[in-house]
Amino acid sequence: MTIQLNGETHEIQEGSTVSDLLNLLNMQNEPVVTELDGQALTQQEYASSVLLEGSRVEVIRLAAGG
């Protein structure tokens, strides 16, 4: 199935969750902010947020520095 990940087309397995996507991207232990179809998600919502055909996902990696 096809989703939009940070504005680019990305293929994932049907029934995948945001948590599955982060695992696929090797970002499961990274500090990130994630948005699904325009709604910000909490980390607790990742496992229950199922991606659908055409879902729009934005993942922003947080970085500290000065």
Protein backbone atom coordinates (compact mmCIF):
# COMPACT_ATOMS: atom_id res chain seq x y z
CA MET A 1 0.00 0.00 0.00
CA THR A 2 1.14 3.56 -0.65
CA ILE A 3 1.43 6.38 1.88
CA GLN A 4 2.96 9.84 1.80
CA LEU A 5 5.93 10.03 4.16
CA ASN A 6 7.36 13.53 4.58
CA GLY A 7 5.89 14.43 1.20
CA GLU A 8 7.30 11.42 -0.67
CA THR A 9 5.56 8.24 -1.80
CA HIS A 10 6.47 5.24 0.35
CA GLU A 11 5.32 1.60 0.12
CA ILE A 12 4.43 -0.28 3.30
CA GLN A 13 2.51 -3.41 4.21
CA GLU A 14 -1.25 -3.11 4.61
CA GLY A 15 -2.29 -2.91 8.26
CA SER A 16 0.95 -1.25 9.37
CA THR A 17 0.87 1.18 12.28
CA VAL A 18 2.91 4.31 12.89
CA SER A 19 5.00 2.22 15.29
CA ASP A 20 5.68 -0.31 12.49
CA LEU A 21 6.71 2.52 10.18
CA LEU A 22 9.14 3.95 12.73
CA ASN A 23 10.64 0.46 13.21
CA LEU A 24 11.02 0.12 9.44
CA LEU A 25 12.81 3.48 9.34
CA ASN A 26 15.05 2.49 12.31
CA MET A 27 13.66 5.45 14.25
CA GLN A 28 11.84 3.57 17.03
CA ASN A 29 14.29 4.81 19.68
CA GLU A 30 14.78 8.30 18.22
CA PRO A 31 13.17 11.42 19.68
CA VAL A 32 10.60 12.29 17.00
CA VAL A 33 7.41 14.25 16.51
CA THR A 34 4.91 12.41 14.32
CA GLU A 35 1.81 13.66 12.55
CA LEU A 36 -0.79 11.46 10.84
CA ASP A 37 -3.16 13.11 8.37
CA GLY A 38 -2.65 16.50 10.00
CA GLN A 39 -3.05 15.31 13.60
CA ALA A 40 -0.10 15.25 16.00
CA LEU A 41 0.30 11.89 17.75
CA THR A 42 1.61 11.08 21.19
CA GLN A 43 4.10 8.26 21.50
CA GLN A 44 1.41 6.18 23.20
CA GLU A 45 -0.76 6.42 20.05
CA TYR A 46 1.87 5.04 17.63
CA ALA A 47 0.99 1.36 18.12
CA SER A 48 -2.75 1.92 17.70
CA SER A 49 -2.58 4.35 14.75
CA VAL A 50 -3.15 2.19 11.67
CA LEU A 51 -1.99 3.58 8.35
CA LEU A 52 -4.38 3.48 5.41
CA GLU A 53 -3.90 3.80 1.67
CA GLY A 54 -2.97 7.44 1.04
CA SER A 55 -2.21 8.30 4.66
CA ARG A 56 -0.03 11.37 5.07
CA VAL A 57 2.69 10.93 7.69
CA GLU A 58 5.19 13.54 8.80
CA VAL A 59 8.09 12.42 10.98
CA ILE A 60 10.44 15.06 12.37
CA ARG A 61 13.58 14.01 14.22
CA LEU A 62 14.29 16.23 17.23
CA ALA A 63 17.85 17.43 17.71
CA ALA A 64 19.41 19.43 20.49
CA GLY A 65 22.27 21.76 20.03
CA GLY A 66 23.36 25.30 20.12
